[in-house]
Protein backbone atom coordinates (compact mmCIF):
# COMPACT_ATOMS: atom_id res chain seq x y z
CA MET A 1 22.90 2.35 27.92
CA ILE A 2 19.49 3.44 26.63
CA ASP A 3 18.81 6.09 23.67
CA ASN A 4 16.24 8.84 24.68
CA THR A 5 16.76 11.20 21.69
CA GLN A 6 13.98 10.16 20.62
CA HIS A 7 10.67 11.19 21.92
CA GLN A 8 7.85 9.77 22.00
CA THR A 9 4.70 11.94 21.95
CA LYS A 10 2.22 10.39 24.57
CA ALA A 11 -1.47 9.95 22.95
CA TYR A 12 -4.60 8.80 23.82
CA LEU A 13 -7.03 7.14 21.93
CA ALA A 14 -10.88 7.78 21.40
CA GLY A 15 -13.76 5.96 19.26
CA VAL A 16 -17.34 6.06 18.63
CA ASN A 17 -19.11 2.57 18.44
CA LEU A 18 -22.36 2.73 16.41
CA ASP A 19 -22.95 -0.97 16.84
CA ASP A 20 -19.77 -1.75 14.29
CA PRO A 21 -18.99 -5.61 14.96
CA ASN A 22 -15.54 -4.71 13.35
CA PHE A 23 -14.66 -1.26 15.87
CA ASP A 24 -12.51 -3.55 18.46
CA TYR A 25 -10.38 -4.15 15.56
CA TYR A 26 -10.46 -0.79 14.21
CA MET A 27 -9.39 0.73 17.80
CA THR A 28 -6.54 -2.46 18.07
CA GLU A 29 -5.70 -1.04 14.47
CA LEU A 30 -5.55 2.45 15.32
CA ALA A 31 -3.24 1.52 18.15
CA ASN A 32 -0.84 0.01 16.09
CA LEU A 33 -0.90 2.84 13.88
CA ALA A 34 -0.32 5.23 16.53
CA GLU A 35 2.83 3.47 17.56
CA ALA A 36 3.93 2.91 13.98
CA ASN A 37 3.79 6.96 13.83
CA ASN A 38 6.30 7.12 16.89
CA TYR A 39 3.28 7.88 19.73
CA GLU A 40 3.09 5.98 22.92
CA VAL A 41 -0.48 4.88 23.39
CA VAL A 42 -1.43 5.92 27.38
CA GLY A 43 -5.11 4.97 27.50
CA GLN A 44 -8.37 5.28 25.42
CA SER A 45 -11.67 5.86 26.03
CA VAL A 46 -14.91 4.55 23.51
CA GLN A 47 -18.15 5.49 23.37
CA LYS A 48 -21.71 3.69 22.45
CA ALA A 49 -23.66 5.67 20.39
CA GLU A 50 -26.35 5.40 17.76
CA ALA A 51 -24.88 8.76 16.27
CA ILE A 52 -21.72 10.88 15.81
CA ILE A 53 -21.92 14.66 17.49
CA ASN A 54 -21.73 16.13 14.55
CA SER A 55 -20.07 19.42 16.18
CA THR A 56 -18.01 17.58 19.04
CA TYR A 57 -18.35 13.81 16.82
CA LEU A 58 -18.24 12.68 21.41
CA GLY A 59 -20.51 13.51 23.73
CA SER A 60 -19.72 16.49 26.33
CA GLY A 61 -19.34 14.47 28.90
CA LYS A 62 -17.15 11.83 27.31
CA VAL A 63 -14.60 14.67 26.14
CA ASN A 64 -14.50 16.37 30.15
CA LEU A 65 -13.88 12.61 31.04
CA ILE A 66 -11.20 12.07 28.29
CA LYS A 67 -9.42 15.35 29.34
CA ASN A 68 -9.12 14.53 32.97
CA LEU A 69 -8.03 11.25 32.13
CA ALA A 70 -5.37 12.28 28.90
CA GLN A 71 -4.12 14.86 30.99
CA GLY A 72 -3.71 13.02 34.58
CA LEU A 73 -1.51 10.38 32.00
CA GLY A 74 0.07 13.14 30.33
CA ALA A 75 -1.17 13.25 26.53
CA GLU A 76 -0.59 15.43 24.53
CA VAL A 77 -2.43 13.95 21.49
CA LEU A 78 -5.73 12.63 21.17
CA VAL A 79 -6.29 10.41 18.45
CA ILE A 80 -9.76 9.72 17.31
CA ASN A 81 -10.48 6.84 15.23
CA ASP A 82 -12.35 8.28 12.09
CA GLU A 83 -12.21 11.65 9.64
CA LEU A 84 -12.84 14.39 11.89
CA SER A 85 -14.74 17.69 9.96
CA PRO A 86 -12.87 20.62 10.32
CA MET A 87 -15.52 21.83 12.91
CA GLN A 88 -15.52 18.78 15.43
CA ILE A 89 -11.56 18.84 15.43
CA ARG A 90 -11.24 22.94 16.68
CA ASN A 91 -13.91 21.80 19.22
CA LEU A 92 -12.44 18.88 20.58
CA GLU A 93 -8.76 20.58 20.63
CA LYS A 94 -10.45 23.93 22.11
CA MET A 95 -12.74 21.63 24.96
CA THR A 96 -9.64 19.13 25.50
CA LYS A 97 -6.80 21.58 25.35
CA LEU A 98 -5.02 18.43 23.23
CA ARG A 99 -3.71 18.70 19.87
CA VAL A 100 -6.29 16.35 17.64
CA VAL A 101 -5.44 13.85 15.19
CA ASP A 102 -8.09 12.31 13.24
CA ARG A 103 -7.60 8.64 12.03
CA THR A 104 -6.61 10.21 7.92
CA GLU A 105 -4.11 12.46 9.22
CA LEU A 106 -2.36 9.80 11.73
CA ILE A 107 -2.11 7.29 8.10
CA LEU A 108 -0.65 11.11 6.14
CA GLU A 109 1.71 11.11 8.88
CA ILE A 110 3.48 8.09 8.85
CA PHE A 111 2.67 7.99 4.62
CA SER A 112 4.90 11.36 4.84
CA SER A 113 7.63 9.78 7.11
CA ARG A 114 7.76 6.46 5.25
CA ALA A 115 8.09 7.84 1.31
CA ARG A 116 11.29 7.42 0.05
CA THR A 117 10.68 7.86 -4.27
CA LYS A 118 9.59 11.25 -5.94
CA GLN A 119 6.88 9.98 -7.25
CA ALA A 120 5.65 8.36 -3.27
CA LYS A 121 6.45 11.96 -1.63
CA LEU A 122 4.17 13.41 -4.29
CA GLN A 123 1.34 10.98 -3.96
CA VAL A 124 1.82 11.95 -0.10
CA GLN A 125 2.12 15.75 -0.62
CA LEU A 126 -1.16 15.46 -3.02
CA ALA A 127 -3.10 13.29 -0.55
CA ARG A 128 -2.55 15.89 2.31
CA LEU A 129 -2.92 18.85 0.46
CA GLN A 130 -6.53 17.49 -0.91
CA TYR A 131 -7.18 16.20 3.04
CA GLU A 132 -6.32 20.41 4.19
CA LEU A 133 -7.88 21.88 1.72
CA PRO A 134 -11.52 21.85 3.23
CA ARG A 135 -9.84 22.10 6.79
CA LEU A 136 -8.91 25.81 5.61
CA HIS A 137 -10.09 28.27 8.51
CA PRO A 138 -9.94 32.17 8.61
CA SER A 139 -9.31 31.88 12.51
CA GLU A 140 -5.92 29.92 11.38
CA ASN A 141 -4.23 33.17 9.82
CA SER A 142 -2.35 35.77 11.31
CA LEU A 143 -4.56 38.92 9.07
CA ASP A 144 -7.69 37.77 11.47
CA GLN A 145 -5.58 39.67 14.03
CA GLN A 146 -3.94 42.40 12.61
CA ARG A 147 -6.59 45.18 11.99
CA GLY A 148 -9.75 46.47 14.32
CA SER A 149 -7.84 48.16 16.93
CA GLY A 150 -6.97 51.23 15.12
CA GLY A 151 -9.48 53.96 15.29
CA SER A 152 -11.65 52.92 12.46
CA THR A 153 -14.84 52.71 12.01
CA GLY A 154 -15.84 49.59 10.92
CA GLY A 155 -12.69 47.56 11.89
CA GLY A 156 -14.64 44.78 12.62
CA PHE A 157 -15.77 44.38 8.73
CA ALA A 158 -11.95 45.34 7.82
CA ASN A 159 -10.70 42.58 10.10
CA ARG A 160 -13.26 39.85 8.99
CA GLY A 161 -12.24 40.76 4.94
CA ALA A 162 -8.79 40.77 5.78
CA GLY A 163 -9.09 37.20 7.22
CA GLU A 164 -11.54 35.80 4.32
CA SER A 165 -8.98 37.46 1.65
CA LYS A 166 -6.05 35.48 3.36
CA LEU A 167 -7.88 32.54 3.26
CA GLU A 168 -9.16 32.78 -0.49
CA LEU A 169 -5.19 33.47 -0.76
CA ASN A 170 -4.05 30.04 1.22
CA ARG A 171 -6.67 28.26 -1.26
CA ARG A 172 -5.79 29.74 -4.06
CA THR A 173 -2.30 28.69 -3.45
CA ILE A 174 -3.20 25.12 -2.55
CA GLY A 175 -5.14 24.64 -5.63
CA LYS A 176 -2.28 25.62 -7.69
CA GLN A 177 0.00 23.43 -5.63
CA ILE A 178 -2.23 20.15 -6.58
CA SER A 179 -2.74 21.04 -9.84
CA ALA A 180 1.16 21.24 -10.24
CA ILE A 181 1.59 17.88 -8.19
CA LYS A 182 -1.17 16.46 -10.29
CA HIS A 183 0.08 17.30 -13.83
CA GLU A 184 3.95 16.73 -12.33
CA LEU A 185 2.43 13.09 -11.11
CA LYS A 186 0.84 12.54 -15.14
CA ASP A 187 4.47 13.04 -16.45
CA ILE A 188 5.90 9.95 -13.44
CA ALA A 189 3.19 7.78 -14.79
CA GLY A 190 3.63 8.32 -18.13
CA GLN A 191 7.12 7.29 -17.56
CA GLU A 192 6.02 3.92 -15.81
CA GLU A 193 3.63 3.47 -18.32
CA ILE A 194 6.10 3.26 -20.87
CA LYS A 195 8.46 0.82 -18.55
CA SER A 196 5.40 -1.24 -17.91
CA ALA A 197 4.21 -1.81 -21.55
CA ARG A 198 8.00 -2.98 -21.97
CA ARG A 199 7.63 -5.55 -19.31
CA ASN A 200 4.37 -6.08 -21.08
CA GLN A 201 6.10 -7.04 -24.71
CA SER A 202 8.02 -9.68 -23.28
CA ARG A 203 4.87 -11.54 -22.85
CA LEU A 204 6.35 -12.70 -19.17
CA PRO A 205 3.44 -13.48 -16.32
CA LYS A 206 3.06 -11.06 -13.94
CA VAL A 207 2.42 -11.73 -10.46
CA ALA A 208 2.12 -8.86 -8.21
CA LEU A 209 1.97 -9.45 -4.22
CA VAL A 210 -0.70 -7.70 -2.47
CA GLY A 211 -2.50 -7.68 1.17
CA TYR A 212 -2.46 -5.78 4.79
CA THR A 213 0.41 -3.79 5.67
CA ASN A 214 3.30 -5.42 7.35
CA ALA A 215 1.66 -9.37 6.20
CA GLY A 216 5.32 -10.17 4.58
CA LYS A 217 5.12 -9.09 1.28
CA SER A 218 8.63 -8.03 1.10
CA THR A 219 10.12 -10.41 3.27
CA THR A 220 8.63 -12.78 0.64
CA MET A 221 10.18 -11.60 -2.30
CA ASN A 222 12.84 -10.89 -1.07
CA GLY A 223 12.63 -15.58 -0.10
CA LEU A 224 12.12 -15.49 -4.09
CA LEU A 225 14.66 -13.95 -5.43
CA GLN A 226 17.27 -15.67 -2.68
CA ALA A 227 15.46 -19.29 -3.60
CA PHE A 228 16.00 -18.30 -7.14
CA GLY A 229 19.42 -16.84 -7.31
CA VAL A 230 19.09 -13.44 -7.10
CA GLU A 231 21.56 -12.83 -3.77
CA ASN A 232 22.54 -9.40 -5.43
CA SER A 233 21.62 -6.83 -1.85
CA ASP A 234 20.96 -4.10 -4.98
CA LYS A 235 17.98 -6.60 -5.58
CA GLN A 236 16.43 -7.38 -2.54
CA VAL A 237 13.71 -5.10 -1.27
CA PHE A 238 13.51 -3.22 1.89
CA ALA A 239 11.59 -5.41 4.78
CA LYS A 240 10.83 -4.53 8.29
CA ASP A 241 8.26 -5.38 10.92
CA MET A 242 6.12 -1.92 11.24
CA LEU A 243 3.54 -0.57 9.68
CA PHE A 244 3.71 0.79 5.87
CA ALA A 245 7.67 0.29 5.76
CA THR A 246 7.45 0.51 1.70
CA LEU A 247 5.58 3.01 -0.04
CA ASP A 248 6.99 2.22 -3.60
CA THR A 249 5.91 -0.99 -5.78
CA SER A 250 9.28 -2.89 -6.12
CA VAL A 251 9.64 -4.93 -9.93
CA ARG A 252 11.51 -7.83 -10.35
CA ARG A 253 12.46 -10.59 -12.61
CA ILE A 254 12.16 -14.17 -11.21
CA ASP A 255 14.03 -16.99 -12.82
CA LEU A 256 12.45 -20.44 -12.03
CA ASP A 257 14.32 -23.67 -12.11
CA LYS A 258 12.55 -25.27 -14.94
CA GLY A 259 13.26 -22.23 -17.33
CA PHE A 260 10.37 -20.66 -16.56
CA SER A 261 10.37 -16.89 -16.01
CA PHE A 262 8.51 -14.34 -14.50
CA ILE A 263 7.94 -10.61 -13.39
CA LEU A 264 6.99 -9.85 -9.82
CA SER A 265 5.61 -6.81 -8.30
CA ASP A 266 5.63 -6.15 -4.62
CA THR A 267 3.32 -3.30 -3.84
CA VAL A 268 1.94 -1.17 -1.07
CA GLY A 269 0.13 -2.38 1.92
CA PHE A 270 -3.51 -1.80 2.78
CA VAL A 271 -4.98 -1.02 5.74
CA SER A 272 -8.68 -0.21 7.05
CA LYS A 273 -11.03 2.73 6.53
CA LEU A 274 -7.51 3.94 4.05
CA PRO A 275 -8.54 7.76 3.15
CA HIS A 276 -10.12 7.85 -0.60
CA ASN A 277 -7.70 10.83 -1.15
CA LEU A 278 -4.45 8.08 -0.13
CA VAL A 279 -5.95 5.41 -2.52
CA ASP A 280 -6.66 8.13 -5.55
CA SER A 281 -3.27 9.49 -5.13
CA PHE A 282 -1.53 5.71 -5.34
CA LYS A 283 -3.66 4.17 -7.94
CA ALA A 284 -0.47 4.66 -10.71
CA THR A 285 1.77 2.92 -7.87
CA LEU A 286 -0.96 0.42 -7.79
CA GLN A 287 -0.85 -0.10 -11.44
CA GLU A 288 1.21 -3.47 -11.30
CA ALA A 289 -2.03 -4.88 -9.55
CA LYS A 290 -4.27 -4.42 -12.02
CA ASP A 291 -1.77 -5.16 -15.36
CA ALA A 292 -0.89 -8.50 -12.97
CA ASP A 293 -1.82 -11.96 -14.58
CA LEU A 294 -1.89 -13.43 -10.96
CA LEU A 295 -2.47 -11.56 -7.39
CA VAL A 296 -0.84 -13.46 -4.66
CA ASN A 297 -2.80 -11.86 -1.47
CA VAL A 298 0.03 -12.35 1.40
CA VAL A 299 -2.23 -12.82 5.08
CA ASP A 300 -0.54 -12.36 8.46
CA ALA A 301 -1.88 -16.21 9.14
CA THR A 302 -1.31 -15.38 12.86
CA ASP A 303 -3.41 -12.01 13.31
CA PRO A 304 -7.11 -12.71 15.30
CA ASN A 305 -8.71 -10.31 12.77
CA MET A 306 -6.82 -12.13 9.05
CA ASN A 307 -10.35 -12.35 7.97
CA GLN A 308 -11.09 -8.87 8.23
CA MET A 309 -7.88 -8.04 6.51
CA ILE A 310 -8.83 -10.36 3.54
CA LYS A 311 -12.22 -8.28 3.29
CA THR A 312 -9.90 -5.20 3.52
CA THR A 313 -7.56 -5.91 0.74
CA MET A 314 -10.22 -6.83 -1.67
CA SER A 315 -12.40 -3.70 -0.98
CA VAL A 316 -9.28 -2.05 -1.38
CA LEU A 317 -8.62 -3.92 -4.89
CA GLU A 318 -11.55 -2.84 -5.92
CA GLU A 319 -11.87 -0.02 -5.56
CA ILE A 320 -9.09 0.86 -7.30
CA GLY A 321 -10.56 -1.12 -10.50
CA VAL A 322 -8.32 -4.37 -10.00
CA THR A 323 -11.07 -6.84 -10.50
CA GLY A 324 -11.57 -10.49 -12.19
CA ILE A 325 -7.73 -11.38 -11.54
CA PRO A 326 -6.81 -15.01 -10.39
CA ILE A 327 -5.52 -14.80 -7.05
CA ILE A 328 -3.62 -16.80 -4.36
CA THR A 329 -4.09 -16.40 -1.04
CA ALA A 330 -0.96 -17.02 0.76
CA TYR A 331 -1.00 -17.43 4.86
CA ASN A 332 2.25 -16.38 5.55
CA LYS A 333 4.09 -16.71 9.30
CA ALA A 334 2.93 -20.22 9.91
CA ASP A 335 6.15 -20.51 11.76
CA LEU A 336 4.67 -18.38 14.31
CA THR A 337 1.76 -21.06 14.64
CA ASP A 338 1.40 -25.09 15.86
CA ARG A 339 0.66 -25.86 12.41
CA SER A 340 2.71 -27.90 9.94
CA TYR A 341 3.58 -26.22 6.86
CA PRO A 342 3.99 -25.64 3.96
CA GLN A 343 0.33 -26.87 2.84
CA ILE A 344 -1.24 -26.30 -0.24
CA GLU A 345 -4.85 -26.82 -0.29
CA GLY A 346 -6.24 -25.19 -3.72
CA ASN A 347 -5.16 -21.73 -4.17
CA ASP A 348 -4.39 -21.51 -0.61
CA LEU A 349 -1.06 -21.85 0.86
CA LEU A 350 0.32 -22.11 4.69
CA TYR A 351 3.55 -20.72 4.09
CA SER A 352 6.63 -19.14 6.07
CA ALA A 353 8.50 -16.37 3.86
CA GLN A 354 11.63 -17.05 5.73
CA ASP A 355 11.22 -20.83 5.20
CA PRO A 356 12.75 -22.30 1.74
CA ALA A 357 10.64 -25.11 1.22
CA SER A 358 7.34 -22.49 1.53
CA ILE A 359 8.74 -20.47 -0.85
CA ARG A 360 9.49 -23.19 -2.67
CA ALA A 361 5.78 -24.32 -2.53
CA LEU A 362 4.34 -20.84 -2.93
CA ALA A 363 6.69 -20.68 -6.86
CA ASP A 364 5.30 -24.11 -7.38
CA LEU A 365 1.73 -22.74 -6.88
CA ILE A 366 2.25 -19.72 -9.06
CA THR A 367 3.68 -21.81 -11.70
CA LYS A 368 0.63 -24.17 -12.20
CA ARG A 369 -1.67 -21.38 -11.92
CA VAL A 370 0.34 -18.66 -14.72
CA PHE A 371 2.06 -21.51 -16.93
CA SER A 372 -0.99 -23.93 -16.94
CA ASN A 373 -1.89 -22.75 -20.76
CA TYR A 374 2.00 -23.36 -21.93
CA LYS A 375 2.47 -26.41 -23.81
CA SER A 376 6.14 -28.25 -24.40
CA PHE A 377 7.53 -28.51 -27.93
CA GLN A 378 10.07 -30.11 -29.80
CA LEU A 379 11.44 -27.76 -31.96
CA LEU A 380 14.37 -27.91 -34.90
CA LEU A 381 15.25 -24.35 -35.76
CA PRO A 382 17.40 -23.85 -38.83
CA LEU A 383 21.06 -22.75 -37.99
CA SER A 384 20.60 -19.71 -39.43
CA ALA A 385 17.15 -18.75 -37.25
CA GLY A 386 18.71 -16.49 -34.63
CA LYS A 387 15.91 -14.11 -34.91
CA GLU A 388 13.49 -16.82 -33.32
CA LEU A 389 15.96 -18.09 -31.41
CA GLY A 390 16.24 -14.47 -29.42
CA TYR A 391 12.21 -14.52 -29.54
CA LEU A 392 11.96 -18.06 -27.89
CA HIS A 393 14.73 -17.06 -25.02
CA GLU A 394 12.67 -13.63 -24.63
CA HIS A 395 8.94 -14.99 -24.54
CA ALA A 396 9.30 -18.40 -24.01
CA HIS A 397 11.52 -21.06 -21.22
CA VAL A 398 13.65 -23.10 -22.83
CA GLU A 399 13.79 -26.13 -21.24
CA ASN A 400 17.06 -27.40 -23.66
CA GLU A 401 19.06 -26.26 -26.11
CA ASP A 402 21.45 -28.67 -29.03
CA TYR A 403 23.39 -27.62 -31.71
CA GLN A 404 23.90 -30.24 -34.52
CA ASP A 405 24.18 -29.89 -38.06
CA ASP A 406 20.74 -30.27 -39.08
CA GLY A 407 20.42 -27.11 -36.86
CA ILE A 408 19.07 -26.26 -33.27
CA HIS A 409 17.19 -28.48 -31.12
CA LEU A 410 15.18 -27.31 -28.66
CA VAL A 411 13.01 -28.12 -26.03
CA ALA A 412 10.59 -25.10 -25.24
CA ASN A 413 7.39 -23.80 -23.10
CA ILE A 414 5.96 -21.59 -25.69
CA ALA A 415 2.84 -19.32 -24.14
CA PRO A 416 -0.62 -20.13 -26.35
CA GLU A 417 -0.26 -16.60 -27.98
CA ASP A 418 3.48 -18.16 -29.87
CA GLN A 419 2.90 -21.55 -30.73
CA ALA A 420 1.03 -20.70 -33.90
CA ARG A 421 4.45 -19.22 -35.31
CA PHE A 422 6.49 -22.22 -34.23
CA SER A 423 4.30 -24.73 -35.15
CA GLN A 424 6.32 -24.99 -38.91
CA TYR A 425 9.66 -25.88 -36.72
CA VAL A 426 7.61 -28.56 -34.24
CA GLN A 427 9.19 -32.26 -34.55
CA GLN A 428 6.57 -35.00 -34.50
């Protein structure tokens, strides 16, 4: 039996092409975003132009055409490919009799429905308030209609004053909400920094999965967890075939076969034209990427627009200040192509996140990149050197450990910054 309990709002898409070579890609992405927001896309219109119309975004003739087409298809929402001004939204809604949602609001709605943790919910709420603040308008206030008919001379001025007073009250209220949320996020960010500092103290290398939304970052993390002995469902991260399946950064420790360990983080996915308010709001969430020793840019190898997706990811990383960190480009979903996999070429990997051999290849590539400066030493520690032994287990990679009468014989891979500390115990 088909479940029809969840109503899908019918949406009509529209965009203005200013001779942008990536325009078709953006419109395809807009359709995917609309579907991710539970809209049923019933049609779209495109207008080629040299400039955006300040008052209506689209030309009046195109607006009328869209009105007729959208109504004929039963559309309730007009989704626009760009961020609109408050005036453009009001005029388009008046002319088309449709609810108008611009690209920024669409992404905000998706993020609102996906947020799970307190931090993510606050970040989305902050971005939404910052988006709504300049879009407040006196005509949207109920006080506008409450005066002017009571016989008082100057009732029109009283009407306007009431609306403006209500508008200023709304602005002050939103301003206070923004300040309160920023303060709360600052407290949460402080707690996250403490956790991050503890992870940094372990000196384990940090690897961050970044990339476009729905490219397979979470599936990749789960594959690494399963491949190296973490089958506990509590440690697995949420993975689903949809845009922005998760907005929260997940952090796990990966213990490889040869004693190497690293911290792996799965970050929020990116999308073209990601609203600046959201980028600013999620900077704290993306702190793991800024602190990483290595980035793994997960790319959907089956998407014809993957080069544009790579550019989008790099652009967002630069915007949040993530620069100068080594990168592995991991082309996922090779099982959906006709190419053999896994394949490694330099710092590029063609793989499938659902293929154990591919996950092993990725782990080998990560090991090669982040542990290249580690050196293997044969050590002899006194039996009384419990503190030093504990430090090695926490900060190095102990391959072999043997207790004998003359002390503890070890083979350990040690980071460059710790090699001098153990030089006195090295056996020639």
